[in-house]
Protein backbone atom coordinates (compact mmCIF):
# COMPACT_ATOMS: atom_id res chain seq x y z
CA MET A 1 -44.14 195.35 338.30
CA ARG A 2 -42.84 196.92 335.15
CA SER A 3 -39.66 198.00 336.36
CA ASN A 4 -38.82 194.60 337.07
CA LEU A 5 -40.12 193.00 333.72
CA ARG A 6 -37.78 195.42 331.90
CA LEU A 7 -34.72 194.67 334.11
CA GLY A 8 -35.48 190.87 333.97
CA ALA A 9 -35.49 191.24 330.46
CA LEU A 10 -32.05 193.23 330.05
CA ALA A 11 -30.83 190.54 332.21
CA ILE A 12 -31.39 188.07 329.67
CA LEU A 13 -30.20 190.35 327.08
CA LEU A 14 -26.74 190.71 328.75
CA ALA A 15 -26.47 187.06 329.30
CA ALA A 16 -27.20 186.20 325.78
CA SER A 17 -24.69 188.81 324.54
CA ALA A 18 -22.32 187.26 327.02
CA VAL A 19 -22.64 183.32 325.70
CA GLN A 20 -22.71 185.07 321.88
CA ALA A 21 -19.28 186.59 322.17
CA GLN A 22 -17.73 183.67 323.91
CA THR A 23 -18.60 180.97 320.94
CA PRO A 24 -15.86 180.30 318.88
CA ALA A 25 -15.86 182.05 315.11
CA PRO A 26 -17.02 179.03 312.86
CA ALA A 27 -14.10 176.64 311.78
CA VAL A 28 -14.83 176.45 308.47
CA ARG A 29 -15.19 180.05 306.24
CA THR A 30 -17.48 180.62 302.80
CA GLU A 31 -16.03 182.79 300.83
CA LYS A 32 -16.35 183.22 297.03
CA ASN A 33 -14.44 182.80 294.31
CA ILE A 34 -14.01 183.57 290.66
CA SER A 35 -15.18 180.62 288.37
CA LEU A 36 -13.19 179.76 285.66
CA ALA A 37 -15.93 180.87 282.93
CA LEU A 38 -15.73 184.68 284.36
CA ALA A 39 -12.14 184.34 284.96
CA ASN A 40 -11.50 183.72 281.07
CA GLN A 41 -14.24 186.19 279.95
CA ILE A 42 -12.51 188.91 282.01
CA ALA A 43 -9.16 188.27 280.33
CA ALA A 44 -10.72 187.86 276.82
CA GLU A 45 -12.30 191.50 277.25
CA ALA A 46 -9.26 192.62 278.71
CA VAL A 47 -7.25 191.70 275.41
CA ALA A 48 -10.07 192.77 273.23
CA ALA A 49 -10.12 196.21 275.31
CA CYS A 50 -6.37 197.00 274.15
CA ALA A 51 -6.70 195.64 271.05
CA ALA A 52 -9.43 198.09 269.77
CA ASN A 53 -6.76 200.83 270.92
CA GLY A 54 -3.71 199.05 268.91
CA TYR A 55 -2.62 197.72 271.52
CA ASN A 56 -0.80 193.77 271.92
CA VAL A 57 -1.32 192.69 275.30
CA ALA A 58 -1.54 189.47 277.74
CA ALA A 59 -4.15 189.54 280.22
CA THR A 60 -3.92 187.25 283.98
CA VAL A 61 -6.87 186.67 285.68
CA VAL A 62 -6.47 185.59 289.60
CA ASP A 63 -8.45 184.06 292.26
CA ARG A 64 -8.81 185.26 295.77
CA ALA A 65 -5.38 183.69 296.59
CA GLY A 66 -3.55 184.94 293.18
CA THR A 67 -3.36 181.09 291.54
CA VAL A 68 -3.88 181.89 288.26
CA ARG A 69 -7.44 180.86 286.14
CA ALA A 70 -7.25 182.26 282.80
CA VAL A 71 -4.38 183.74 280.79
CA GLN A 72 -4.74 185.00 277.13
CA ARG A 73 -2.24 187.11 275.08
CA ALA A 74 -2.55 188.79 272.15
CA ASP A 75 -0.89 187.28 269.12
CA ASN A 76 1.66 189.60 268.34
CA ALA A 77 2.03 190.71 272.55
CA GLY A 78 6.22 190.26 273.55
CA PRO A 79 6.52 187.61 275.50
CA HIS A 80 7.34 189.88 278.68
CA THR A 81 3.86 190.69 278.97
CA LEU A 82 2.66 187.17 280.13
CA ALA A 83 4.97 187.73 283.42
CA SER A 84 3.69 191.27 283.92
CA SER A 85 0.42 190.41 283.48
CA GLU A 86 0.69 187.60 286.10
CA ARG A 87 2.52 189.56 288.35
CA LYS A 88 0.33 192.58 288.78
CA ALA A 89 -2.72 190.06 288.57
CA TRP A 90 -1.32 188.68 291.73
CA THR A 91 -0.60 191.81 293.88
CA SER A 92 -3.54 193.43 293.18
CA ALA A 93 -5.28 190.16 294.63
CA SER A 94 -2.93 190.02 297.09
CA ALA A 95 -3.34 193.97 298.14
CA LYS A 96 -6.87 194.05 297.30
CA GLY A 97 -6.46 196.96 295.59
CA ALA A 98 -5.17 198.38 291.98
CA THR A 99 -1.59 198.53 291.39
CA GLN A 100 -1.83 201.62 289.79
CA ALA A 101 -3.06 203.32 293.32
CA MET A 102 -0.76 201.35 294.75
CA MET A 103 2.00 202.33 292.43
CA GLU A 104 1.59 206.07 293.49
CA GLY A 105 1.55 205.62 297.04
CA ALA A 106 4.44 204.46 296.77
CA GLN A 107 6.10 206.92 295.07
CA LYS A 108 4.62 209.60 297.27
CA ASN A 109 5.21 207.95 300.70
CA PRO A 110 8.85 206.60 301.89
CA GLY A 111 7.53 204.13 303.68
CA ALA A 112 5.74 202.30 300.84
CA ALA A 113 8.66 202.71 298.45
CA ASN A 114 9.71 199.19 300.08
CA LEU A 115 6.73 197.62 298.40
CA VAL A 116 8.83 196.95 295.93
CA TYR A 117 10.51 194.26 297.45
CA LEU A 118 8.33 191.86 298.38
CA PRO A 119 8.91 189.11 296.32
CA GLY A 120 6.30 189.10 293.63
CA PHE A 121 4.65 192.65 293.82
CA LEU A 122 4.99 194.26 290.83
CA LEU A 123 3.88 198.36 291.12
CA LEU A 124 2.91 198.90 287.98
CA GLY A 125 -0.22 200.17 286.77
CA GLY A 126 -2.99 197.71 285.37
CA GLY A 127 -3.75 195.16 287.81
CA VAL A 128 -7.16 195.63 289.26
CA PRO A 129 -9.03 193.93 291.64
CA VAL A 130 -11.86 191.99 290.64
CA LYS A 131 -14.92 192.76 293.77
CA SER A 132 -18.27 190.58 294.37
CA GLY A 133 -19.68 193.86 296.74
CA SER A 134 -16.72 194.82 298.60
CA GLU A 135 -15.50 191.20 298.51
CA VAL A 136 -12.46 190.66 296.54
CA ILE A 137 -12.63 187.89 294.85
CA GLY A 138 -9.89 187.88 292.29
CA ALA A 139 -8.02 190.20 290.09
CA VAL A 140 -6.92 190.90 286.84
CA GLY A 141 -3.62 191.74 285.18
CA VAL A 142 -2.77 193.39 281.76
CA GLY A 143 0.84 193.86 280.54
CA GLY A 144 1.92 195.20 276.91
CA ALA A 145 0.03 198.37 276.36
CA PRO A 146 2.97 201.65 276.08
CA GLY A 147 2.29 202.40 279.70
CA GLY A 148 0.67 201.23 282.79
CA HIS A 149 -1.68 203.58 282.64
CA LEU A 150 -3.20 202.28 279.64
CA ASP A 151 -2.92 198.62 280.51
CA ASP A 152 -5.20 199.59 283.79
CA GLN A 153 -7.75 201.11 281.63
CA CYS A 154 -7.93 198.05 279.20
CA ALA A 155 -8.40 196.25 282.72
CA ASN A 156 -10.63 198.72 284.10
CA ALA A 157 -12.91 197.68 280.90
CA ALA A 158 -13.13 193.89 281.21
CA ILE A 159 -14.17 194.47 284.65
CA GLU A 160 -17.04 197.21 283.53
CA LYS A 161 -18.14 194.74 280.47
CA VAL A 162 -18.98 191.34 282.97
CA LYS A 163 -19.82 193.87 286.34
CA GLY A 164 -23.65 192.68 285.97
CA GLN A 165 -22.32 189.09 286.31
CA LEU A 166 -20.26 190.10 289.72
CA GLY A 167 -23.59 190.17 292.33
């Protein structure tokens, strides 16, 4: 009798699994995204972090789709810093990774070297994804310090300042 009950329960579980596997994914998805307030705060923190080290930079924050949400440019930052910060942020959001690591990977891997030919990609340090848990909700790009590794430090410092808000 017990054996029949176990087999019956197993059959019900298998049938439920088959129905669940055939259920299509929902047509509407729910995604986290960066808010304007948080984007402004990250941009300000990145510019401040670089200013504390004597670097005049621009910082751009994009949402998960790579659309610009906030931009700040230090008083003495060059005009080119706007474009570089935006491209770094877009590249980071698009690839869901840090541009410093992508640049280093492209330098070491001949197959990845072709990434520099993707329209809009900028493989220089300073683009860092903004994550809520493991989900990329945006990215910050910093341009203008004397070296991408320094831009990268400012971007990471900004994210560190707001990490309590990232949930």
